[in-house]
């Protein structure tokens, strides 16, 4: 489609935090190809706020499979082209009702595939990094990449709020400031590094940086793990898990000198902020498939059994504290936030 013929674009991506962020390079590519168009992004009601304030998105809104069945039946086609991620038939049907042309992954249903403007071929399981996998949709419409980095924007108001909160709660001598994400979500608990390993790592950090202070992130579902870390270091940590909104958490994450976390949503947010980060990856979803690309200071820790044959049953405990500490020490040395202990 010619640039002048495209004025209104729809992107639908109903997914978790990580997969929402992993589509941002694709949205940026679409916006770069059609700079005069207004892009509307519809996503999961509890996740779509991640896309707010991105300069290449005109509007964000919520949609679900159930809601999509009731939408778009009246009125004219309001979008020139739509890009739909996933294989949810109600979302694709909705896009076909409201857009003149629809781009999606091939669904394997001739009745649907024949109605698509372009269909991208799904990549074999775990054969491709998630960012180029998502870029396959704009590529099917002839749109080249515009970088592979993830994108998230903290607003000036959010940044001021986070700075003010830390000034009120932290001792003035605290440093370095280290964010911790000690758990993934329950259905991906195999990605969790043992809490005792996190505690041992924190001890090593405090031995080297006695003024270090840990901001403990996470949700209410991992309360036992986050509270255990805080209990071990009551004077050197602040517990924010389950107490903040998603965007508040991201604003605080932007303030840290270093982030250490397992593979989960907040780690993807950090991957978009460009701040030094140590990320731990299970061998079933290694860094080659999911780590942030074009990140300036990523220190990835892959499971020693990363590669073919790994299953979710392989324990994360096989990643040693020594291995993670080496990455942490390198990150703090190469991006020094303050003066370490002699």
C-alpha atoms as a PDB file:
ATOM      1  CA  UNK A   1       0.000   0.000   0.000  1.00  0.00           C
ATOM      2  CA  UNK A   2       1.283   3.465  -0.821  1.00  0.00           C
ATOM      3  CA  UNK A   3       2.135   5.760   2.076  1.00  0.00           C
ATOM      4  CA  UNK A   4      -0.511   8.289   1.093  1.00  0.00           C
ATOM      5  CA  UNK A   5      -3.270   5.674   1.093  1.00  0.00           C
ATOM      6  CA  UNK A   6      -2.697   4.735   4.721  1.00  0.00           C
ATOM      7  CA  UNK A   7      -3.970   7.170   7.334  1.00  0.00           C
ATOM      8  CA  UNK A   8      -5.430   4.931  10.034  1.00  0.00           C
ATOM      9  CA  UNK A   9      -3.701   1.802  11.268  1.00  0.00           C
ATOM     10  CA  UNK A  10      -4.857  -0.747  13.837  1.00  0.00           C
ATOM     11  CA  UNK A  11      -2.535  -3.075  15.779  1.00  0.00           C
ATOM     12  CA  UNK A  12      -4.092  -5.790  17.977  1.00  0.00           C
ATOM     13  CA  UNK A  13      -1.915  -7.677  20.427  1.00  0.00           C
ATOM     14  CA  UNK A  14      -3.641  -9.250  23.438  1.00  0.00           C
ATOM     15  CA  UNK A  15      -0.809 -10.698  25.494  1.00  0.00           C
ATOM     16  CA  UNK A  16       1.186 -10.524  28.717  1.00  0.00           C
ATOM     17  CA  UNK A  17       3.662  -7.785  29.638  1.00  0.00           C
ATOM     18  CA  UNK A  18       6.633  -9.319  27.866  1.00  0.00           C
ATOM     19  CA  UNK A  19       4.894 -10.108  24.600  1.00  0.00           C
ATOM     20  CA  UNK A  20       3.309  -6.651  24.593  1.00  0.00           C
ATOM     21  CA  UNK A  21       6.745  -5.025  24.793  1.00  0.00           C
ATOM     22  CA  UNK A  22       8.282  -7.440  22.305  1.00  0.00           C
ATOM     23  CA  UNK A  23       5.899  -6.114  19.648  1.00  0.00           C
ATOM     24  CA  UNK A  24       7.020  -2.478  20.093  1.00  0.00           C
ATOM     25  CA  UNK A  25       9.793  -2.765  17.472  1.00  0.00           C
ATOM     26  CA  UNK A  26       7.178  -3.958  14.976  1.00  0.00           C
ATOM     27  CA  UNK A  27       4.856  -1.054  15.799  1.00  0.00           C
ATOM     28  CA  UNK A  28       7.774   1.360  15.443  1.00  0.00           C
ATOM     29  CA  UNK A  29       8.565  -0.124  12.024  1.00  0.00           C
ATOM     30  CA  UNK A  30       4.959   0.381  10.909  1.00  0.00           C
ATOM     31  CA  UNK A  31       4.997   3.974  12.167  1.00  0.00           C
ATOM     32  CA  UNK A  32       8.269   4.665  10.372  1.00  0.00           C
ATOM     33  CA  UNK A  33       6.868   3.320   7.117  1.00  0.00           C
ATOM     34  CA  UNK A  34       3.699   5.408   7.444  1.00  0.00           C
ATOM     35  CA  UNK A  35       4.724   8.612   9.278  1.00  0.00           C
ATOM     36  CA  UNK A  36       1.488  10.438   8.439  1.00  0.00           C
ATOM     37  CA  UNK A  37      -0.761   7.666   9.741  1.00  0.00           C
ATOM     38  CA  UNK A  38      -2.367   7.481  13.187  1.00  0.00           C
ATOM     39  CA  UNK A  39      -1.825   4.143  14.909  1.00  0.00           C
ATOM     40  CA  UNK A  40      -4.335   2.678  17.341  1.00  0.00           C
ATOM     41  CA  UNK A  41      -3.131  -0.213  19.513  1.00  0.00           C
ATOM     42  CA  UNK A  42      -5.585  -2.520  21.264  1.00  0.00           C
ATOM     43  CA  UNK A  43      -4.330  -4.936  23.892  1.00  0.00           C
ATOM     44  CA  UNK A  44      -5.022  -6.757  27.126  1.00  0.00           C
ATOM     45  CA  UNK A  45      -6.999  -4.534  29.527  1.00  0.00           C
ATOM     46  CA  UNK A  46      -4.371  -4.968  32.271  1.00  0.00           C
ATOM     47  CA  UNK A  47      -1.310  -4.673  30.015  1.00  0.00           C
ATOM     48  CA  UNK A  48      -2.034  -2.171  27.268  1.00  0.00           C
ATOM     49  CA  UNK A  49      -0.975   0.762  29.478  1.00  0.00           C
ATOM     50  CA  UNK A  50       2.590  -0.376  28.765  1.00  0.00           C
ATOM     51  CA  UNK A  51       2.181   1.221  25.335  1.00  0.00           C
ATOM     52  CA  UNK A  52       1.023   4.596  26.645  1.00  0.00           C
ATOM     53  CA  UNK A  53       3.169   7.643  25.815  1.00  0.00           C
ATOM     54  CA  UNK A  54       5.095   5.978  22.987  1.00  0.00           C
ATOM     55  CA  UNK A  55       5.525   8.774  20.429  1.00  0.00           C
ATOM     56  CA  UNK A  56       4.649   6.586  17.444  1.00  0.00           C
ATOM     57  CA  UNK A  57       1.286   5.434  18.840  1.00  0.00           C
ATOM     58  CA  UNK A  58      -1.731   7.714  18.587  1.00  0.00           C
ATOM     59  CA  UNK A  59      -4.140   5.842  20.869  1.00  0.00           C
ATOM     60  CA  UNK A  60      -4.192   2.763  23.061  1.00  0.00           C
ATOM     61  CA  UNK A  61      -7.265   0.864  24.168  1.00  0.00           C
ATOM     62  CA  UNK A  62      -8.390  -2.426  25.650  1.00  0.00           C
ATOM     63  CA  UNK A  63      -9.885  -5.426  23.900  1.00  0.00           C
ATOM     64  CA  UNK A  64     -10.596  -9.037  24.792  1.00  0.00           C
ATOM     65  CA  UNK A  65     -11.712 -12.013  22.743  1.00  0.00           C
ATOM     66  CA  UNK A  66     -15.142 -11.791  24.361  1.00  0.00           C
ATOM     67  CA  UNK A  67     -15.477  -8.061  23.767  1.00  0.00           C
ATOM     68  CA  UNK A  68     -14.260  -8.358  20.182  1.00  0.00           C
ATOM     69  CA  UNK A  69     -17.251 -10.554  19.281  1.00  0.00           C
ATOM     70  CA  UNK A  70     -19.563  -7.606  19.950  1.00  0.00           C
ATOM     71  CA  UNK A  71     -17.490  -4.893  18.316  1.00  0.00           C
ATOM     72  CA  UNK A  72     -17.288  -3.478  14.821  1.00  0.00           C
ATOM     73  CA  UNK A  73     -20.632  -4.603  13.419  1.00  0.00           C
ATOM     74  CA  UNK A  74     -21.947  -1.132  12.647  1.00  0.00           C
ATOM     75  CA  UNK A  75     -20.472   1.641  10.537  1.00  0.00           C
ATOM     76  CA  UNK A  76     -17.867   1.792   7.809  1.00  0.00           C
ATOM     77  CA  UNK A  77     -14.343   0.381   7.759  1.00  0.00           C
ATOM     78  CA  UNK A  78     -12.502   2.793  10.017  1.00  0.00           C
ATOM     79  CA  UNK A  79      -8.932   1.538   9.462  1.00  0.00           C
ATOM     80  CA  UNK A  80      -6.941   1.309   6.256  1.00  0.00           C
ATOM     81  CA  UNK A  81      -4.917  -1.646   7.496  1.00  0.00           C
ATOM     82  CA  UNK A  82      -4.779  -3.800  10.623  1.00  0.00           C
ATOM     83  CA  UNK A  83      -2.022  -6.019  12.025  1.00  0.00           C
ATOM     84  CA  UNK A  84      -3.271  -8.795  14.318  1.00  0.00           C
ATOM     85  CA  UNK A  85      -0.976 -10.862  16.522  1.00  0.00           C
ATOM     86  CA  UNK A  86      -1.860 -14.322  17.768  1.00  0.00           C
ATOM     87  CA  UNK A  87      -4.370 -16.923  16.648  1.00  0.00           C
ATOM     88  CA  UNK A  88      -7.560 -15.762  18.330  1.00  0.00           C
ATOM     89  CA  UNK A  89     -10.343 -15.990  15.766  1.00  0.00           C
ATOM     90  CA  UNK A  90     -12.565 -13.310  17.394  1.00  0.00           C
ATOM     91  CA  UNK A  91      -9.758 -10.748  17.183  1.00  0.00           C
ATOM     92  CA  UNK A  92      -9.094 -11.485  13.521  1.00  0.00           C
ATOM     93  CA  UNK A  93     -12.812 -11.429  12.731  1.00  0.00           C
ATOM     94  CA  UNK A  94     -13.086  -8.033  14.417  1.00  0.00           C
ATOM     95  CA  UNK A  95     -10.150  -6.685  12.394  1.00  0.00           C
ATOM     96  CA  UNK A  96     -11.739  -7.953   9.181  1.00  0.00           C
ATOM     97  CA  UNK A  97     -14.920  -6.036  10.067  1.00  0.00           C
ATOM     98  CA  UNK A  98     -13.198  -2.718  10.808  1.00  0.00           C
ATOM     99  CA  UNK A  99     -10.184  -2.632   8.450  1.00  0.00           C
ATOM    100  CA  UNK A 100      -9.994  -2.634   4.680  1.00  0.00           C
ATOM    101  CA  UNK A 101      -6.912  -4.861   4.796  1.00  0.00           C
ATOM    102  CA  UNK A 102      -5.714  -7.237   7.509  1.00  0.00           C
ATOM    103  CA  UNK A 103      -2.259  -8.708   8.072  1.00  0.00           C
ATOM    104  CA  UNK A 104      -1.891 -11.704  10.418  1.00  0.00           C
ATOM    105  CA  UNK A 105      -0.002 -14.935  10.821  1.00  0.00           C
ATOM    106  CA  UNK A 106      -1.342 -17.732   8.679  1.00  0.00           C
ATOM    107  CA  UNK A 107      -4.141 -19.363  10.658  1.00  0.00           C
ATOM    108  CA  UNK A 108      -4.306 -22.717   8.887  1.00  0.00           C
ATOM    109  CA  UNK A 109      -7.967 -22.105   8.073  1.00  0.00           C
ATOM    110  CA  UNK A 110      -8.538 -21.397   4.407  1.00  0.00           C
ATOM    111  CA  UNK A 111     -11.758 -19.499   5.138  1.00  0.00           C
ATOM    112  CA  UNK A 112      -9.786 -16.970   7.192  1.00  0.00           C
ATOM    113  CA  UNK A 113      -6.460 -16.980   5.351  1.00  0.00           C
ATOM    114  CA  UNK A 114      -8.159 -16.223   2.033  1.00  0.00           C
ATOM    115  CA  UNK A 115      -9.551 -12.998   3.504  1.00  0.00           C
ATOM    116  CA  UNK A 116      -6.200 -11.693   4.737  1.00  0.00           C
ATOM    117  CA  UNK A 117      -4.372  -9.028   2.774  1.00  0.00           C
ATOM    118  CA  UNK A 118      -1.062 -10.653   3.717  1.00  0.00           C
ATOM    119  CA  UNK A 119      -0.310 -13.720   5.823  1.00  0.00           C
ATOM    120  CA  UNK A 120       3.036 -14.264   7.528  1.00  0.00           C
ATOM    121  CA  UNK A 121       4.274 -17.804   8.022  1.00  0.00           C
ATOM    122  CA  UNK A 122       4.670 -18.700  11.719  1.00  0.00           C
ATOM    123  CA  UNK A 123       8.242 -19.607  12.642  1.00  0.00           C
ATOM    124  CA  UNK A 124       8.887 -23.075  14.097  1.00  0.00           C
ATOM    125  CA  UNK A 125       8.788 -23.220  17.881  1.00  0.00           C
ATOM    126  CA  UNK A 126      11.883 -21.642  19.514  1.00  0.00           C
ATOM    127  CA  UNK A 127      13.601 -21.143  16.168  1.00  0.00           C
ATOM    128  CA  UNK A 128      13.670 -17.359  16.185  1.00  0.00           C
ATOM    129  CA  UNK A 129      14.064 -14.495  18.626  1.00  0.00           C
ATOM    130  CA  UNK A 130      10.716 -12.982  19.558  1.00  0.00           C
ATOM    131  CA  UNK A 131      11.458  -9.541  18.091  1.00  0.00           C
ATOM    132  CA  UNK A 132      12.168 -10.673  14.502  1.00  0.00           C
ATOM    133  CA  UNK A 133       9.318 -13.143  14.899  1.00  0.00           C
ATOM    134  CA  UNK A 134       6.932 -10.232  15.535  1.00  0.00           C
ATOM    135  CA  UNK A 135       8.566  -8.155  12.796  1.00  0.00           C
ATOM    136  CA  UNK A 136       7.357 -10.827  10.374  1.00  0.00           C
ATOM    137  CA  UNK A 137       3.915  -9.192  10.236  1.00  0.00           C
ATOM    138  CA  UNK A 138       5.049  -5.772   8.958  1.00  0.00           C
ATOM    139  CA  UNK A 139       7.572  -7.559   6.752  1.00  0.00           C
ATOM    140  CA  UNK A 140       4.715  -9.445   5.100  1.00  0.00           C
ATOM    141  CA  UNK A 141       3.315  -6.043   4.102  1.00  0.00           C
ATOM    142  CA  UNK A 142       6.670  -4.902   2.745  1.00  0.00           C
ATOM    143  CA  UNK A 143       7.685  -2.879   5.822  1.00  0.00           C
ATOM    144  CA  UNK A 144      11.374  -3.079   6.852  1.00  0.00           C
ATOM    145  CA  UNK A 145      12.569  -3.004  10.477  1.00  0.00           C
ATOM    146  CA  UNK A 146      13.313   0.289  12.215  1.00  0.00           C
ATOM    147  CA  UNK A 147      15.557  -1.171  14.892  1.00  0.00           C
ATOM    148  CA  UNK A 148      15.148  -4.117  17.250  1.00  0.00           C
ATOM    149  CA  UNK A 149      15.225  -2.392  20.644  1.00  0.00           C
ATOM    150  CA  UNK A 150      12.186  -2.560  22.917  1.00  0.00           C
ATOM    151  CA  UNK A 151      10.411   0.701  23.709  1.00  0.00           C
ATOM    152  CA  UNK A 152       8.790   2.016  26.904  1.00  0.00           C
ATOM    153  CA  UNK A 153       8.482   5.616  28.057  1.00  0.00           C
ATOM    154  CA  UNK A 154       8.321   6.889  31.637  1.00  0.00           C
ATOM    155  CA  UNK A 155       6.586  10.279  31.716  1.00  0.00           C
ATOM    156  CA  UNK A 156       8.112  13.329  33.383  1.00  0.00           C
ATOM    157  CA  UNK A 157       5.367  13.230  36.033  1.00  0.00           C
ATOM    158  CA  UNK A 158       6.060   9.548  36.762  1.00  0.00           C
ATOM    159  CA  UNK A 159       9.771  10.257  36.957  1.00  0.00           C
ATOM    160  CA  UNK A 160       9.236  13.084  39.471  1.00  0.00           C
ATOM    161  CA  UNK A 161       6.962  10.861  41.569  1.00  0.00           C
ATOM    162  CA  UNK A 162       9.547   8.083  41.686  1.00  0.00           C
ATOM    163  CA  UNK A 163      12.390  10.411  42.621  1.00  0.00           C
ATOM    164  CA  UNK A 164      10.324  12.013  45.361  1.00  0.00           C
ATOM    165  CA  UNK A 165       9.319   8.635  46.801  1.00  0.00           C
ATOM    166  CA  UNK A 166      12.913   7.454  46.964  1.00  0.00           C
ATOM    167  CA  UNK A 167      14.083  10.696  48.558  1.00  0.00           C
ATOM    168  CA  UNK A 168      11.490  10.222  51.298  1.00  0.00           C
ATOM    169  CA  UNK A 169      12.169   6.542  51.963  1.00  0.00           C
ATOM    170  CA  UNK A 170      15.881   5.949  51.382  1.00  0.00           C
ATOM    171  CA  UNK A 171      18.835   7.075  53.467  1.00  0.00           C
ATOM    172  CA  UNK A 172      20.812   9.808  51.727  1.00  0.00           C
ATOM    173  CA  UNK A 173      23.921   7.610  51.754  1.00  0.00           C
ATOM    174  CA  UNK A 174      22.249   4.687  49.989  1.00  0.00           C
ATOM    175  CA  UNK A 175      24.024   3.404  46.916  1.00  0.00           C
ATOM    176  CA  UNK A 176      24.179   1.670  44.612  1.00  0.00           C
ATOM    177  CA  UNK A 177      20.437   1.325  44.187  1.00  0.00           C
ATOM    178  CA  UNK A 178      19.630  -2.181  42.951  1.00  0.00           C
ATOM    179  CA  UNK A 179      16.266  -3.444  41.712  1.00  0.00           C
ATOM    180  CA  UNK A 180      15.324  -7.062  42.328  1.00  0.00           C
ATOM    181  CA  UNK A 181      12.716  -9.180  40.552  1.00  0.00           C
ATOM    182  CA  UNK A 182      12.911 -12.489  42.383  1.00  0.00           C
ATOM    183  CA  UNK A 183      10.020 -14.378  40.769  1.00  0.00           C
ATOM    184  CA  UNK A 184       8.195 -14.903  37.510  1.00  0.00           C
ATOM    185  CA  UNK A 185       4.437 -15.551  37.407  1.00  0.00           C
ATOM    186  CA  UNK A 186       2.982 -18.829  38.752  1.00  0.00           C
ATOM    187  CA  UNK A 187       2.483 -20.547  35.392  1.00  0.00           C
ATOM    188  CA  UNK A 188       6.172 -19.964  34.580  1.00  0.00           C
ATOM    189  CA  UNK A 189       7.566 -20.708  38.041  1.00  0.00           C
ATOM    190  CA  UNK A 190      10.282 -22.894  36.508  1.00  0.00           C
ATOM    191  CA  UNK A 191      12.025 -19.606  35.635  1.00  0.00           C
ATOM    192  CA  UNK A 192      12.439 -18.721  39.329  1.00  0.00           C
ATOM    193  CA  UNK A 193      15.932 -18.709  40.764  1.00  0.00           C
ATOM    194  CA  UNK A 194      15.888 -20.008  44.378  1.00  0.00           C
ATOM    195  CA  UNK A 195      15.192 -17.262  46.890  1.00  0.00           C
ATOM    196  CA  UNK A 196      18.172 -18.429  48.974  1.00  0.00           C
ATOM    197  CA  UNK A 197      20.368 -17.828  45.932  1.00  0.00           C
ATOM    198  CA  UNK A 198      19.067 -14.264  45.700  1.00  0.00           C
ATOM    199  CA  UNK A 199      19.769 -13.798  49.405  1.00  0.00           C
ATOM    200  CA  UNK A 200      23.333 -15.108  49.032  1.00  0.00           C
ATOM    201  CA  UNK A 201      23.855 -12.771  46.096  1.00  0.00           C
ATOM    202  CA  UNK A 202      22.585  -9.800  48.095  1.00  0.00           C
ATOM    203  CA  UNK A 203      25.046 -10.616  50.886  1.00  0.00           C
ATOM    204  CA  UNK A 204      27.909 -10.545  48.413  1.00  0.00           C
ATOM    205  CA  UNK A 205      26.766  -7.207  47.057  1.00  0.00           C
ATOM    206  CA  UNK A 206      26.558  -5.744  50.567  1.00  0.00           C
ATOM    207  CA  UNK A 207      30.010  -7.076  51.417  1.00  0.00           C
ATOM    208  CA  UNK A 208      31.400  -5.124  48.466  1.00  0.00           C
ATOM    209  CA  UNK A 209      28.987  -2.172  48.595  1.00  0.00           C
ATOM    210  CA  UNK A 210      27.866  -1.728  52.235  1.00  0.00           C
ATOM    211  CA  UNK A 211      25.622   1.177  51.271  1.00  0.00           C
ATOM    212  CA  UNK A 212      23.739  -0.807  48.645  1.00  0.00           C
ATOM    213  CA  UNK A 213      19.958  -0.667  48.859  1.00  0.00           C
ATOM    214  CA  UNK A 214      17.582  -3.111  47.196  1.00  0.00           C
ATOM    215  CA  UNK A 215      14.210  -2.198  45.728  1.00  0.00           C
ATOM    216  CA  UNK A 216      12.171  -5.392  45.691  1.00  0.00           C
ATOM    217  CA  UNK A 217       9.668  -5.491  42.841  1.00  0.00           C
ATOM    218  CA  UNK A 218       6.983  -8.016  41.981  1.00  0.00           C
ATOM    219  CA  UNK A 219       3.296  -8.753  42.421  1.00  0.00           C
ATOM    220  CA  UNK A 220       1.074 -10.012  45.194  1.00  0.00           C
ATOM    221  CA  UNK A 221       1.333 -13.629  44.004  1.00  0.00           C
ATOM    222  CA  UNK A 222       5.005 -13.885  44.928  1.00  0.00           C
ATOM    223  CA  UNK A 223       4.603 -12.296  48.365  1.00  0.00           C
ATOM    224  CA  UNK A 224       6.298 -15.153  50.234  1.00  0.00           C
ATOM    225  CA  UNK A 225       9.480 -14.819  48.181  1.00  0.00           C
ATOM    226  CA  UNK A 226       9.654 -11.030  48.209  1.00  0.00           C
ATOM    227  CA  UNK A 227       8.913 -10.766  51.921  1.00  0.00           C
ATOM    228  CA  UNK A 228      11.610 -13.334  52.700  1.00  0.00           C
ATOM    229  CA  UNK A 229      14.250 -11.255  50.910  1.00  0.00           C
ATOM    230  CA  UNK A 230      13.091  -8.097  52.694  1.00  0.00           C
ATOM    231  CA  UNK A 231      13.078  -9.891  56.057  1.00  0.00           C
ATOM    232  CA  UNK A 232      16.723 -10.869  55.604  1.00  0.00           C
ATOM    233  CA  UNK A 233      17.778  -7.295  54.781  1.00  0.00           C
ATOM    234  CA  UNK A 234      15.308  -5.005  56.569  1.00  0.00           C
ATOM    235  CA  UNK A 235      17.648  -2.011  56.716  1.00  0.00           C
ATOM    236  CA  UNK A 236      19.027  -2.438  53.208  1.00  0.00           C
ATOM    237  CA  UNK A 237      15.847  -3.052  51.226  1.00  0.00           C
ATOM    238  CA  UNK A 238      12.488  -1.511  50.428  1.00  0.00           C
ATOM    239  CA  UNK A 239       9.584  -3.804  49.602  1.00  0.00           C
ATOM    240  CA  UNK A 240       7.362  -2.552  46.779  1.00  0.00           C
ATOM    241  CA  UNK A 241       6.038  -5.909  45.546  1.00  0.00           C
ATOM    242  CA  UNK A 242       2.252  -5.888  45.251  1.00  0.00           C
ATOM    243  CA  UNK A 243       2.020  -2.241  46.331  1.00  0.00           C
ATOM    244  CA  UNK A 244       2.384  -0.354  43.058  1.00  0.00           C
ATOM    245  CA  UNK A 245       0.702  -0.091  39.701  1.00  0.00           C
ATOM    246  CA  UNK A 246       2.507  -1.358  36.645  1.00  0.00           C
ATOM    247  CA  UNK A 247       3.529   2.114  35.530  1.00  0.00           C
ATOM    248  CA  UNK A 248       4.604   3.124  39.039  1.00  0.00           C
ATOM    249  CA  UNK A 249       6.817   0.050  39.167  1.00  0.00           C
ATOM    250  CA  UNK A 250       8.381   0.991  35.837  1.00  0.00           C
ATOM    251  CA  UNK A 251       9.012   4.549  37.039  1.00  0.00           C
ATOM    252  CA  UNK A 252      10.862   3.230  40.103  1.00  0.00           C
ATOM    253  CA  UNK A 253      12.785   0.753  37.983  1.00  0.00           C
ATOM    254  CA  UNK A 254      14.119   3.642  35.936  1.00  0.00           C
ATOM    255  CA  UNK A 255      15.806   5.041  39.055  1.00  0.00           C
ATOM    256  CA  UNK A 256      17.985   2.022  39.845  1.00  0.00           C
ATOM    257  CA  UNK A 257      21.696   1.772  39.154  1.00  0.00           C
ATOM    258  CA  UNK A 258      21.414  -1.936  38.411  1.00  0.00           C
ATOM    259  CA  UNK A 259      18.553  -4.391  37.958  1.00  0.00           C
ATOM    260  CA  UNK A 260      18.764  -8.122  38.696  1.00  0.00           C
ATOM    261  CA  UNK A 261      15.825 -10.301  37.730  1.00  0.00           C
ATOM    262  CA  UNK A 262      14.476 -13.518  36.320  1.00  0.00           C
ATOM    263  CA  UNK A 263      12.786 -13.705  32.944  1.00  0.00           C
ATOM    264  CA  UNK A 264       9.376 -12.088  33.419  1.00  0.00           C
ATOM    265  CA  UNK A 265       7.365  -8.950  32.577  1.00  0.00           C
ATOM    266  CA  UNK A 266       9.300  -6.350  34.616  1.00  0.00           C
ATOM    267  CA  UNK A 267      12.554  -7.681  33.172  1.00  0.00           C
ATOM    268  CA  UNK A 268      11.220  -6.903  29.697  1.00  0.00           C
ATOM    269  CA  UNK A 269      10.327  -3.393  30.883  1.00  0.00           C
ATOM    270  CA  UNK A 270      13.876  -2.955  32.139  1.00  0.00           C
ATOM    271  CA  UNK A 271      15.056  -4.211  28.766  1.00  0.00           C
ATOM    272  CA  UNK A 272      13.379  -1.158  27.235  1.00  0.00           C
ATOM    273  CA  UNK A 273      14.899   1.382  29.660  1.00  0.00           C
ATOM    274  CA  UNK A 274      18.566   1.004  28.726  1.00  0.00           C
ATOM    275  CA  UNK A 275      19.766   0.708  32.344  1.00  0.00           C
ATOM    276  CA  UNK A 276      22.397  -1.873  33.406  1.00  0.00           C
ATOM    277  CA  UNK A 277      20.667  -5.176  33.996  1.00  0.00           C
ATOM    278  CA  UNK A 278      21.546  -8.745  34.925  1.00  0.00           C
ATOM    279  CA  UNK A 279      18.852 -11.081  33.602  1.00  0.00           C
ATOM    280  CA  UNK A 280      18.635 -14.795  34.386  1.00  0.00           C
ATOM    281  CA  UNK A 281      17.256 -17.077  31.676  1.00  0.00           C
ATOM    282  CA  UNK A 282      16.015 -20.647  31.987  1.00  0.00           C
ATOM    283  CA  UNK A 283      17.333 -23.079  29.392  1.00  0.00           C
ATOM    284  CA  UNK A 284      13.795 -23.603  28.046  1.00  0.00           C
ATOM    285  CA  UNK A 285      13.625 -19.911  27.070  1.00  0.00           C
ATOM    286  CA  UNK A 286      17.278 -18.869  26.661  1.00  0.00           C
ATOM    287  CA  UNK A 287      18.507 -15.345  26.073  1.00  0.00           C
ATOM    288  CA  UNK A 288      18.930 -15.971  22.340  1.00  0.00           C
ATOM    289  CA  UNK A 289      15.130 -16.140  22.078  1.00  0.00           C
ATOM    290  CA  UNK A 290      13.947 -13.498  24.514  1.00  0.00           C
ATOM    291  CA  UNK A 291      16.663 -11.120  25.782  1.00  0.00           C
ATOM    292  CA  UNK A 292      16.391  -7.440  24.818  1.00  0.00           C
ATOM    293  CA  UNK A 293      18.196  -6.724  21.564  1.00  0.00           C
ATOM    294  CA  UNK A 294      20.339  -3.631  21.013  1.00  0.00           C
ATOM    295  CA  UNK A 295      20.487  -3.092  24.778  1.00  0.00           C
ATOM    296  CA  UNK A 296      23.570  -1.027  25.748  1.00  0.00           C
ATOM    297  CA  UNK A 297      24.357  -2.768  29.051  1.00  0.00           C
ATOM    298  CA  UNK A 298      22.741  -6.191  29.269  1.00  0.00           C
ATOM    299  CA  UNK A 299      24.506  -8.900  31.271  1.00  0.00           C
ATOM    300  CA  UNK A 300      22.645 -12.085  30.412  1.00  0.00           C
ATOM    301  CA  UNK A 301      22.994 -15.201  32.537  1.00  0.00           C
ATOM    302  CA  UNK A 302      21.971 -18.306  30.650  1.00  0.00           C
ATOM    303  CA  UNK A 303      21.283 -21.631  32.288  1.00  0.00           C
ATOM    304  CA  UNK A 304      24.265 -23.970  31.833  1.00  0.00           C
ATOM    305  CA  UNK A 305      22.027 -26.443  29.982  1.00  0.00           C
ATOM    306  CA  UNK A 306      20.721 -23.909  27.465  1.00  0.00           C
ATOM    307  CA  UNK A 307      20.226 -25.618  24.139  1.00  0.00           C
ATOM    308  CA  UNK A 308      18.261 -28.485  22.596  1.00  0.00           C
ATOM    309  CA  UNK A 309      16.693 -30.956  24.971  1.00  0.00           C
ATOM    310  CA  UNK A 310      15.978 -28.627  27.866  1.00  0.00           C
ATOM    311  CA  UNK A 311      12.556 -28.856  29.506  1.00  0.00           C
ATOM    312  CA  UNK A 312      10.745 -26.769  32.134  1.00  0.00           C
ATOM    313  CA  UNK A 313      11.617 -29.438  34.698  1.00  0.00           C
ATOM    314  CA  UNK A 314      15.298 -28.431  34.690  1.00  0.00           C
ATOM    315  CA  UNK A 315      15.895 -26.447  37.922  1.00  0.00           C
ATOM    316  CA  UNK A 316      17.125 -22.870  37.892  1.00  0.00           C
ATOM    317  CA  UNK A 317      19.172 -23.772  40.982  1.00  0.00           C
ATOM    318  CA  UNK A 318      21.784 -25.070  38.534  1.00  0.00           C
ATOM    319  CA  UNK A 319      22.733 -21.426  37.908  1.00  0.00           C
ATOM    320  CA  UNK A 320      25.292 -20.796  40.635  1.00  0.00           C
ATOM    321  CA  UNK A 321      25.530 -17.711  42.806  1.00  0.00           C
ATOM    322  CA  UNK A 322      29.142 -17.380  41.645  1.00  0.00           C
ATOM    323  CA  UNK A 323      28.000 -17.135  38.025  1.00  0.00           C
ATOM    324  CA  UNK A 324      25.481 -14.395  38.737  1.00  0.00           C
ATOM    325  CA  UNK A 325      27.849 -12.523  41.049  1.00  0.00           C
ATOM    326  CA  UNK A 326      30.454 -12.355  38.253  1.00  0.00           C
ATOM    327  CA  UNK A 327      27.902 -10.610  36.024  1.00  0.00           C
ATOM    328  CA  UNK A 328      26.801  -8.285  38.827  1.00  0.00           C
ATOM    329  CA  UNK A 329      30.391  -7.367  39.678  1.00  0.00           C
ATOM    330  CA  UNK A 330      31.133  -6.675  36.018  1.00  0.00           C
ATOM    331  CA  UNK A 331      28.038  -4.503  35.627  1.00  0.00           C
ATOM    332  CA  UNK A 332      28.831  -2.437  38.714  1.00  0.00           C
ATOM    333  CA  UNK A 333      32.488  -2.097  37.703  1.00  0.00           C
ATOM    334  CA  UNK A 334      31.788  -1.109  34.113  1.00  0.00           C
ATOM    335  CA  UNK A 335      28.887   1.200  35.025  1.00  0.00           C
ATOM    336  CA  UNK A 336      29.957   2.487  38.460  1.00  0.00           C
ATOM    337  CA  UNK A 337      27.135   4.133  40.418  1.00  0.00           C
ATOM    338  CA  UNK A 338      29.292   5.173  43.385  1.00  0.00           C
ATOM    339  CA  UNK A 339      32.385   4.315  45.350  1.00  0.00           C
ATOM    340  CA  UNK A 340      32.604   0.674  46.415  1.00  0.00           C
ATOM    341  CA  UNK A 341      34.080  -0.412  49.705  1.00  0.00           C
ATOM    342  CA  UNK A 342      37.887  -0.797  49.628  1.00  0.00           C
END
